[in-house]
N, C-alpha and C. Protein backbone atom coordinates (compact mmCIF):
# COMPACT_ATOMS: atom_id res chain seq x y z
N THR A 1 19.63 19.33 2.59
CA THR A 1 19.32 18.08 3.06
C THR A 1 18.29 17.96 3.20
N LYS A 2 16.95 18.28 3.37
CA LYS A 2 15.81 18.53 3.40
C LYS A 2 15.05 17.52 2.28
N MET A 3 15.43 18.49 0.98
CA MET A 3 15.24 17.94 -0.48
C MET A 3 15.39 16.33 -0.30
N GLN A 4 17.10 15.95 0.21
CA GLN A 4 17.15 14.93 -0.22
C GLN A 4 16.35 13.51 0.59
N GLN A 5 16.16 13.83 1.91
CA GLN A 5 15.44 13.61 2.88
C GLN A 5 14.38 13.54 2.08
N GLN A 6 13.33 13.93 1.85
CA GLN A 6 11.86 13.88 0.80
C GLN A 6 12.42 12.42 -0.49
N GLN A 7 13.22 13.07 -1.23
CA GLN A 7 13.25 11.82 -2.07
C GLN A 7 13.53 10.31 -1.95
N GLN A 8 14.91 10.84 -0.90
CA GLN A 8 14.84 9.39 0.50
C GLN A 8 13.49 8.26 0.50
N GLN A 9 12.72 9.27 0.91
CA GLN A 9 11.13 8.85 1.70
C GLN A 9 10.27 8.19 0.81
N LEU A 10 10.30 9.32 -0.25
CA LEU A 10 9.59 9.30 -1.72
C LEU A 10 9.94 7.54 -2.10
N SER A 11 11.59 7.83 -2.46
CA SER A 11 11.62 6.15 -2.95
C SER A 11 11.50 4.91 -2.19
N GLN A 12 11.68 5.04 -0.89
CA GLN A 12 11.24 4.13 0.36
C GLN A 12 9.99 3.60 0.06
N GLN A 13 9.15 4.68 -0.26
CA GLN A 13 7.65 4.45 -0.15
C GLN A 13 7.32 3.88 -1.88
N GLN A 14 7.83 4.00 -2.91
CA GLN A 14 7.59 3.43 -4.29
C GLN A 14 8.55 2.17 -3.84
N ASP A 15 9.45 2.17 -2.92
CA ASP A 15 9.78 0.16 -3.13
C ASP A 15 8.63 -0.34 -2.56
N PHE A 16 7.59 0.26 -1.65
CA PHE A 16 6.71 -0.83 -1.21
C PHE A 16 5.46 -0.59 -2.09
N ASP A 17 5.51 0.38 -2.70
CA ASP A 17 3.95 0.54 -3.33
C ASP A 17 4.06 -0.50 -4.60
N PRO A 18 3.20 -1.61 -4.81
CA PRO A 18 3.07 -2.95 -5.71
C PRO A 18 3.00 -2.66 -7.05
N VAL A 19 2.26 -1.36 -7.10
CA VAL A 19 1.76 -0.63 -8.73
C VAL A 19 3.16 -0.56 -9.05
N HIS A 20 4.19 0.75 -8.25
CA HIS A 20 5.23 0.88 -8.82
C HIS A 20 6.23 0.05 -9.00
N ARG A 21 6.36 -1.27 -8.47
CA ARG A 21 7.01 -2.50 -8.40
C ARG A 21 6.68 -3.15 -9.62
N PHE A 22 5.41 -3.33 -10.15
CA PHE A 22 4.89 -4.05 -10.99
C PHE A 22 5.49 -3.17 -12.29
N LYS A 23 5.37 -1.63 -12.33
CA LYS A 23 5.69 -1.33 -13.43
C LYS A 23 7.29 -1.33 -14.03
N LEU A 24 8.15 -1.70 -12.94
CA LEU A 24 9.46 -1.90 -12.93
C LEU A 24 9.71 -3.02 -13.13
N LEU A 25 8.97 -4.56 -13.38
CA LEU A 25 9.45 -5.58 -13.06
C LEU A 25 8.68 -5.85 -15.06
N ILE A 26 7.70 -5.07 -15.58
CA ILE A 26 7.52 -5.24 -16.81
C ILE A 26 8.38 -5.19 -18.21
N PRO A 27 9.08 -4.21 -17.65
CA PRO A 27 10.29 -4.06 -18.95
C PRO A 27 10.99 -5.35 -18.37
N GLN A 28 11.39 -5.98 -17.13
CA GLN A 28 12.61 -6.92 -16.74
C GLN A 28 12.01 -8.20 -17.50
N LEU A 29 11.12 -8.63 -17.26
CA LEU A 29 9.77 -9.53 -17.46
C LEU A 29 9.75 -9.51 -19.48
N LYS A 30 9.54 -8.63 -19.97
CA LYS A 30 10.23 -8.62 -21.39
C LYS A 30 11.20 -8.66 -21.80
N ASP A 31 12.06 -8.14 -21.34
CA ASP A 31 13.92 -8.58 -21.45
C ASP A 31 13.78 -10.30 -21.45
N SER A 32 13.32 -10.77 -20.07
CA SER A 32 13.76 -12.25 -19.81
C SER A 32 13.08 -12.95 -20.94
N LEU A 33 11.73 -12.22 -21.34
CA LEU A 33 11.11 -13.38 -22.56
C LEU A 33 11.56 -13.06 -23.97
N GLN A 34 13.00 -12.09 -24.06
CA GLN A 34 13.22 -12.11 -24.95
C GLN A 34 14.28 -13.06 -25.43
N ASN A 35 14.82 -12.58 -24.27
CA ASN A 35 16.01 -13.67 -24.39
C ASN A 35 16.13 -15.32 -24.04
N LEU A 36 15.07 -15.77 -23.04
CA LEU A 36 14.36 -16.90 -23.18
C LEU A 36 14.21 -17.32 -24.63
N MET A 37 13.29 -16.69 -25.48
CA MET A 37 13.22 -16.85 -27.05
C MET A 37 14.55 -16.95 -27.90
N LYS A 38 15.17 -16.36 -27.40
CA LYS A 38 16.60 -16.13 -28.59
C LYS A 38 17.27 -17.30 -28.04
N ILE A 39 17.32 -17.69 -26.53
CA ILE A 39 18.13 -18.91 -26.28
C ILE A 39 17.47 -20.69 -26.74
N ALA A 40 16.14 -20.42 -26.80
CA ALA A 40 15.57 -21.69 -27.68
C ALA A 40 15.24 -21.41 -28.84
N SER A 41 15.91 -20.51 -29.54
CA SER A 41 16.16 -20.56 -30.80
C SER A 41 17.49 -20.76 -31.48
N LEU A 42 18.46 -20.62 -30.63
CA LEU A 42 19.80 -21.21 -30.55
C LEU A 42 20.23 -22.72 -30.27
N ASN A 43 19.18 -22.94 -29.12
CA ASN A 43 19.14 -24.75 -28.96
C ASN A 43 18.91 -25.30 -29.83
N LEU A 44 17.39 -25.09 -30.78
CA LEU A 44 16.93 -25.60 -31.68
C LEU A 44 17.77 -25.21 -32.65
N ALA A 45 18.23 -24.78 -33.17
CA ALA A 45 19.32 -24.31 -34.28
C ALA A 45 20.55 -25.45 -34.02
N HIS A 46 20.72 -25.58 -33.03
CA HIS A 46 22.15 -26.48 -32.85
C HIS A 46 21.77 -27.99 -32.54
N ASN A 47 20.66 -28.05 -32.18
CA ASN A 47 20.41 -29.78 -31.98
C ASN A 47 19.94 -29.71 -33.03
N THR A 48 19.28 -28.98 -34.12
CA THR A 48 19.34 -29.39 -35.22
C THR A 48 20.42 -29.84 -36.94
N ALA A 49 21.38 -29.23 -36.13
CA ALA A 49 22.90 -28.86 -37.05
C ALA A 49 22.96 -30.14 -36.84
N ILE A 50 22.90 -30.73 -34.83
CA ILE A 50 23.98 -32.11 -34.55
C ILE A 50 22.77 -32.96 -35.43
N ASP A 51 21.88 -32.96 -35.09
CA ASP A 51 20.72 -33.94 -35.73
C ASP A 51 21.15 -34.67 -36.98
N ASN A 52 21.63 -32.95 -37.85
CA ASN A 52 21.51 -33.38 -39.69
C ASN A 52 23.19 -33.62 -40.01
N GLY A 53 24.16 -33.88 -38.64
CA GLY A 53 25.66 -34.08 -38.68
C GLY A 53 26.50 -32.82 -39.18
N ILE A 54 25.72 -31.65 -38.94
CA ILE A 54 26.31 -30.76 -39.92
C ILE A 54 27.09 -30.57 -38.41
N GLU A 55 26.92 -30.30 -37.00
CA GLU A 55 28.15 -29.81 -35.88
C GLU A 55 28.04 -31.18 -35.35
N SER A 56 28.90 -31.05 -34.57
CA SER A 56 29.26 -31.90 -33.13
C SER A 56 28.48 -31.53 -31.80
N SER A 57 28.56 -32.32 -31.44
CA SER A 57 27.83 -31.36 -29.94
C SER A 57 28.48 -31.26 -28.63
N ASP A 58 29.81 -30.96 -28.91
CA ASP A 58 30.81 -30.28 -28.29
C ASP A 58 30.68 -28.80 -28.21
N ALA A 59 29.88 -27.99 -29.62
CA ALA A 59 30.22 -26.89 -28.95
C ALA A 59 28.89 -26.45 -27.69
N GLN A 60 29.78 -25.49 -27.22
CA GLN A 60 28.71 -24.56 -26.30
C GLN A 60 27.21 -23.56 -26.51
N VAL A 61 26.33 -23.98 -25.91
CA VAL A 61 25.22 -22.85 -26.06
C VAL A 61 24.67 -22.74 -24.95
N GLN A 62 24.07 -21.56 -24.51
CA GLN A 62 23.32 -20.90 -23.36
C GLN A 62 22.24 -22.44 -23.10
N ARG A 63 22.54 -22.47 -21.62
CA ARG A 63 21.43 -23.38 -21.09
C ARG A 63 20.09 -22.43 -20.92
N PHE A 64 18.67 -23.29 -21.54
CA PHE A 64 17.45 -23.17 -21.55
C PHE A 64 16.99 -22.57 -20.40
N ASP A 65 17.24 -24.20 -19.49
CA ASP A 65 16.37 -23.87 -18.19
C ASP A 65 16.79 -23.31 -17.31
N LYS A 66 17.93 -22.46 -17.53
CA LYS A 66 18.37 -21.28 -16.54
C LYS A 66 17.40 -19.72 -16.88
N SER A 67 17.57 -19.84 -18.19
CA SER A 67 16.49 -18.21 -18.58
C SER A 67 15.08 -18.77 -18.60
N LEU A 68 15.03 -20.27 -18.44
CA LEU A 68 13.29 -20.25 -18.31
C LEU A 68 13.00 -20.49 -16.67
N GLU A 69 13.76 -20.51 -15.74
CA GLU A 69 13.69 -20.34 -14.67
C GLU A 69 13.54 -18.81 -14.21
N GLU A 70 14.63 -18.12 -14.91
CA GLU A 70 14.54 -16.70 -14.26
C GLU A 70 13.29 -16.25 -15.03
N PHE A 71 12.34 -16.79 -16.23
CA PHE A 71 11.44 -16.01 -16.51
C PHE A 71 10.34 -16.34 -15.62
N TYR A 72 9.99 -17.31 -15.40
CA TYR A 72 9.42 -17.99 -14.18
C TYR A 72 9.54 -17.31 -12.65
N ALA A 73 10.75 -16.57 -12.38
CA ALA A 73 10.64 -15.89 -11.51
C ALA A 73 10.39 -14.89 -11.21
N LEU A 74 10.69 -14.23 -12.33
CA LEU A 74 9.61 -12.87 -12.74
C LEU A 74 7.90 -12.77 -12.83
N CYS A 75 7.98 -13.33 -12.88
CA CYS A 75 6.47 -13.65 -13.57
C CYS A 75 5.66 -14.20 -11.90
N ASP A 76 6.34 -14.74 -11.02
CA ASP A 76 5.79 -14.58 -9.97
C ASP A 76 6.38 -13.48 -9.39
N GLN A 77 7.26 -13.12 -10.01
CA GLN A 77 7.21 -11.53 -8.44
C GLN A 77 6.00 -10.58 -9.33
N VAL A 78 5.87 -10.68 -10.73
CA VAL A 78 4.85 -9.81 -10.71
C VAL A 78 3.56 -10.36 -10.45
N GLU A 79 3.04 -11.65 -10.40
CA GLU A 79 1.93 -12.11 -9.66
C GLU A 79 1.53 -11.53 -8.68
N LEU A 80 3.20 -11.53 -6.89
CA LEU A 80 2.35 -11.22 -6.15
C LEU A 80 2.24 -9.54 -6.07
N CYS A 81 3.05 -8.88 -6.84
CA CYS A 81 2.68 -7.59 -7.06
C CYS A 81 0.92 -7.30 -6.89
N LEU A 82 0.68 -7.93 -7.93
CA LEU A 82 -0.83 -8.07 -8.79
C LEU A 82 -1.63 -8.08 -7.10
N ARG A 83 -1.53 -9.10 -6.51
CA ARG A 83 -1.68 -9.96 -5.52
C ARG A 83 -2.41 -8.82 -4.54
N LEU A 84 -0.90 -8.02 -4.29
CA LEU A 84 -0.94 -7.65 -3.22
C LEU A 84 -1.11 -6.52 -3.49
N ALA A 85 -1.24 -5.60 -4.65
CA ALA A 85 -2.08 -4.48 -5.22
C ALA A 85 -3.38 -4.61 -4.88
N TYR A 86 -3.80 -6.29 -4.84
CA TYR A 86 -5.23 -6.15 -5.53
C TYR A 86 -5.83 -6.17 -3.58
N GLU A 87 -5.15 -6.73 -2.49
CA GLU A 87 -6.00 -6.87 -1.70
C GLU A 87 -5.40 -5.21 -0.75
N CYS A 88 -4.88 -4.28 -0.98
CA CYS A 88 -4.92 -3.34 -0.87
C CYS A 88 -6.07 -2.69 -1.02
N LEU A 89 -6.16 -3.08 -2.64
CA LEU A 89 -7.20 -2.11 -3.04
C LEU A 89 -8.56 -2.56 -2.26
N SER A 90 -9.14 -3.59 -1.95
CA SER A 90 -9.80 -4.44 -1.20
C SER A 90 -10.12 -3.83 0.30
N GLN A 91 -8.78 -3.64 0.97
CA GLN A 91 -9.08 -3.26 2.22
C GLN A 91 -9.12 -1.53 2.16
N CYS A 92 -9.14 -1.40 0.80
CA CYS A 92 -9.14 0.42 1.00
C CYS A 92 -10.63 0.66 1.16
N ILE A 93 -11.10 -0.31 -0.17
CA ILE A 93 -12.61 -0.41 0.09
C ILE A 93 -13.74 -0.74 1.26
N ASP A 94 -13.34 -1.65 1.53
CA ASP A 94 -13.65 -2.05 3.00
C ASP A 94 -13.45 -1.68 3.63
N SER A 95 -12.30 -0.09 4.11
CA SER A 95 -12.23 0.48 4.73
C SER A 95 -13.36 1.68 4.26
N ALA A 96 -13.06 2.25 3.51
CA ALA A 96 -14.23 2.95 3.08
C ALA A 96 -16.10 3.07 2.98
N LYS A 97 -16.43 1.83 3.18
CA LYS A 97 -17.57 0.70 3.48
C LYS A 97 -17.77 1.17 4.34
N HIS A 98 -17.19 0.23 5.89
CA HIS A 98 -17.41 0.44 7.19
C HIS A 98 -16.98 1.69 7.99
N SER A 99 -16.28 2.09 7.24
CA SER A 99 -16.04 3.69 8.59
C SER A 99 -15.84 4.98 7.35
N PRO A 100 -16.86 4.77 6.56
CA PRO A 100 -16.57 6.03 5.85
C PRO A 100 -16.24 7.77 5.95
N ASN A 101 -16.71 7.83 7.12
CA ASN A 101 -16.58 9.46 6.87
C ASN A 101 -15.76 9.64 8.58
N LEU A 102 -15.28 10.59 8.23
CA LEU A 102 -14.74 10.96 10.27
C LEU A 102 -15.75 11.76 10.60
N VAL A 103 -15.94 11.55 12.34
CA VAL A 103 -16.50 11.94 13.13
C VAL A 103 -16.05 13.47 13.87
N PRO A 104 -16.96 14.54 13.53
CA PRO A 104 -16.72 15.63 13.99
C PRO A 104 -16.13 15.55 15.53
N THR A 105 -14.57 16.32 16.20
CA THR A 105 -14.71 16.47 18.07
C THR A 105 -15.09 17.63 18.35
N ALA A 106 -15.51 17.64 20.04
CA ALA A 106 -15.86 19.03 20.15
C ALA A 106 -14.90 19.89 20.63
N THR A 107 -13.40 19.11 20.67
CA THR A 107 -12.37 20.08 20.74
C THR A 107 -11.89 20.66 19.73
N LYS A 108 -12.61 20.66 18.41
CA LYS A 108 -12.06 21.23 16.84
C LYS A 108 -13.23 20.93 16.20
N PRO A 109 -14.37 21.90 16.73
CA PRO A 109 -15.47 22.75 16.00
C PRO A 109 -15.24 23.12 14.67
N ASP A 110 -14.29 23.71 14.20
CA ASP A 110 -13.78 24.22 13.30
C ASP A 110 -13.32 23.16 11.96
N THR A 111 -13.09 22.30 12.22
CA THR A 111 -12.78 21.09 11.36
C THR A 111 -14.11 20.05 11.07
N VAL A 112 -15.26 20.46 11.22
CA VAL A 112 -16.19 19.90 10.61
C VAL A 112 -16.15 19.96 9.32
N GLN A 113 -16.78 19.16 8.38
CA GLN A 113 -16.30 19.32 7.16
C GLN A 113 -17.95 18.32 6.97
N THR A 114 -18.68 18.39 5.21
CA THR A 114 -19.72 18.58 5.35
C THR A 114 -20.07 16.99 4.86
N GLU A 115 -19.09 15.60 4.83
CA GLU A 115 -19.03 14.89 4.40
C GLU A 115 -19.23 13.94 5.80
N SER A 116 -18.89 14.42 7.12
CA SER A 116 -18.87 14.04 7.97
C SER A 116 -20.02 13.23 8.88
N MET A 117 -19.72 12.33 9.67
CA MET A 117 -21.33 11.59 10.07
C MET A 117 -21.18 12.34 11.43
N SER A 118 -22.30 11.84 12.45
CA SER A 118 -23.01 12.73 13.58
C SER A 118 -22.37 11.52 14.40
N TYR A 119 -22.22 11.73 15.36
CA TYR A 119 -22.34 11.06 16.68
C TYR A 119 -23.10 9.62 16.55
N ALA A 120 -24.47 10.15 16.38
CA ALA A 120 -25.84 9.01 16.84
C ALA A 120 -25.14 8.21 15.02
N GLN A 121 -24.79 8.78 14.29
CA GLN A 121 -24.62 7.57 13.11
C GLN A 121 -23.49 6.92 13.13
N TYR A 122 -22.38 7.26 13.77
CA TYR A 122 -20.98 6.75 14.38
C TYR A 122 -21.53 5.55 15.24
N LEU A 123 -22.20 5.99 16.48
CA LEU A 123 -22.54 4.80 17.72
C LEU A 123 -23.14 4.20 16.61
N GLY A 124 -24.04 3.95 15.47
CA GLY A 124 -25.13 2.99 14.77
C GLY A 124 -24.18 2.24 14.47
N MET A 125 -23.08 2.56 13.32
CA MET A 125 -22.51 1.75 12.69
C MET A 125 -21.40 1.24 13.38
N ILE A 126 -21.19 1.49 14.72
CA ILE A 126 -20.38 0.92 15.89
C ILE A 126 -20.99 -0.26 16.16
N LYS A 127 -22.38 -0.30 16.49
CA LYS A 127 -23.19 -1.53 17.23
C LYS A 127 -23.04 -2.43 16.17
N THR A 128 -23.47 -2.11 14.86
CA THR A 128 -23.73 -2.96 13.88
C THR A 128 -22.13 -3.82 13.68
N GLN A 129 -20.97 -3.43 13.46
CA GLN A 129 -20.24 -3.63 13.61
C GLN A 129 -20.11 -4.50 14.77
N ILE A 130 -20.29 -4.42 15.98
CA ILE A 130 -19.76 -5.37 16.98
C ILE A 130 -20.83 -6.71 16.75
N SER A 131 -22.05 -6.30 16.47
CA SER A 131 -23.18 -7.47 16.25
C SER A 131 -22.82 -8.30 15.41
N CYS A 132 -21.86 -7.83 14.18
CA CYS A 132 -21.41 -8.64 13.02
C CYS A 132 -20.22 -9.52 14.20
N ALA A 133 -19.44 -8.84 14.72
CA ALA A 133 -18.79 -9.36 15.23
C ALA A 133 -18.65 -10.88 15.96
N LYS A 134 -20.16 -10.32 16.81
CA LYS A 134 -20.25 -11.11 17.88
C LYS A 134 -21.07 -12.72 17.05
N ASP A 135 -21.67 -12.39 15.86
CA ASP A 135 -22.28 -13.18 15.28
C ASP A 135 -20.64 -14.22 14.80
N ILE A 136 -19.68 -13.45 14.13
CA ILE A 136 -18.69 -14.09 13.49
C ILE A 136 -18.11 -15.23 14.78
N HIS A 137 -18.27 -14.30 15.85
CA HIS A 137 -17.29 -15.32 17.29
C HIS A 137 -18.36 -16.57 17.35
N ASN A 138 -19.53 -16.29 17.24
CA ASN A 138 -20.75 -17.24 18.23
C ASN A 138 -20.32 -18.19 17.03
N ALA A 139 -20.04 -18.25 15.49
CA ALA A 139 -20.54 -19.51 14.74
C ALA A 139 -19.06 -19.80 14.65
N LEU A 140 -17.96 -19.45 15.04
CA LEU A 140 -16.35 -20.02 14.79
C LEU A 140 -16.84 -20.47 16.38
N LEU A 141 -16.79 -20.60 17.21
CA LEU A 141 -17.25 -20.92 18.58
C LEU A 141 -18.17 -22.52 18.28
N GLU A 142 -19.42 -22.23 17.57
CA GLU A 142 -20.47 -23.29 17.29
C GLU A 142 -19.60 -24.43 16.43
N CYS A 143 -18.56 -23.67 15.58
CA CYS A 143 -18.15 -24.61 14.55
C CYS A 143 -17.20 -25.45 15.43
N SER A 144 -15.98 -24.95 16.60
CA SER A 144 -15.42 -25.46 16.96
C SER A 144 -15.97 -26.43 17.80
N LYS A 145 -17.13 -26.36 18.76
CA LYS A 145 -17.42 -27.38 19.37
C LYS A 145 -17.90 -28.35 18.69
N LYS A 146 -18.52 -28.28 16.98
CA LYS A 146 -19.05 -29.58 15.89
C LYS A 146 -17.73 -30.19 16.02
N ILE A 147 -16.79 -29.71 15.77
CA ILE A 147 -15.70 -29.88 15.54
C ILE A 147 -14.79 -30.93 16.62
N ALA A 148 -14.90 -30.55 17.60
CA ALA A 148 -14.27 -31.25 18.98
C ALA A 148 -15.70 -32.05 19.12
N GLY A 149 -16.49 -32.43 19.16
CA GLY A 149 -17.94 -33.86 19.52
C GLY A 149 -18.55 -33.26 20.62
N LYS A 150 -18.32 -32.10 21.04
CA LYS A 150 -18.97 -31.69 22.18
C LYS A 150 -20.43 -31.04 21.76
N GLY A 151 -20.54 -30.62 20.52
CA GLY A 151 -22.05 -30.49 20.22
C GLY A 151 -22.55 -31.65 19.29
N GLN A 152 -24.26 -31.53 19.72
CA GLN A 152 -24.79 -32.57 19.23
C GLN A 152 -25.65 -31.85 18.33
N PRO A 153 -26.01 -32.48 16.56
CA PRO A 153 -26.28 -31.62 16.13
C PRO A 153 -27.76 -32.00 16.53
N GLN A 154 -28.74 -30.45 15.90
CA GLN A 154 -30.32 -30.57 16.86
C GLN A 154 -31.06 -31.53 16.08
N GLY A 155 -31.96 -32.04 16.58
CA GLY A 155 -33.28 -32.80 15.94
C GLY A 155 -32.44 -33.94 15.56
N ILE A 156 -31.51 -34.84 15.71
CA ILE A 156 -31.14 -35.67 15.75
C ILE A 156 -30.86 -36.43 17.26
N MET A 157 -31.28 -37.45 17.37
CA MET A 157 -31.48 -38.10 19.31
C MET A 157 -30.55 -39.39 19.16
């Protein structure tokens, strides 16, 4: 049963993985495009036969708009998967940039790794992040004051 639980957890993780979802959608998108082209070809042949007086318009043909809608829906899903994958990658890069290494703790000195940063380096990084957050807060506050009309532009009387 433990093996089944692990397989179930793996399948759940893959369902949320945008790259895995993208790989599953590509064959569906390809099939949908082939179906769309086939229906377009059949409709074109049917309309040509009607125009030439060979067939009447009573014959049933598949609807082109339905297959086109299916194709567009799959394209939208692919686009969402790619955007989500890009956002995940961006967050991972930002995380590695702004908090690249672990800080060793005094309770577990044996887990110190060569790539870990010293506590002083960690404090410096945190102070930089706090300063950046304060600058953003002040800029947003200033902007909201200007929008509300409370803040007067400097240099103009």
